[in-house]
């Protein structure tokens, strides 16, 4: 089996929402890939962006800042952003950082 890439972001579109499915690791090395996927999702001008973290295995503080930037950008761009629950490791990191994301 080939090795998995360190990060992936797949977009799926519905009438009134865009889903960004994150996979792997969101950290300093993959932040720009996440931000590019986020920009693509925002360009669709849907009122809701759902960031699906169920397959995200790891996140560092750079990744957390990137997620928080999605919240800030949503306010500036006049859409909502919500997050699904992540893996246990991701949820532990968010709890340690005392970060509460808007949830679905």
Foldseek 3Di string as FASTA:
>chain_A
DDDDPQKDWDWDDDDQEIETEIAHEQEPVCLVVVVVVLVVRVVVVHQEYEYEAARYDYYDPSRVVSVVVSCVVCVVSNHYYAYADHDPRVVVNCVVVVHDTHHD
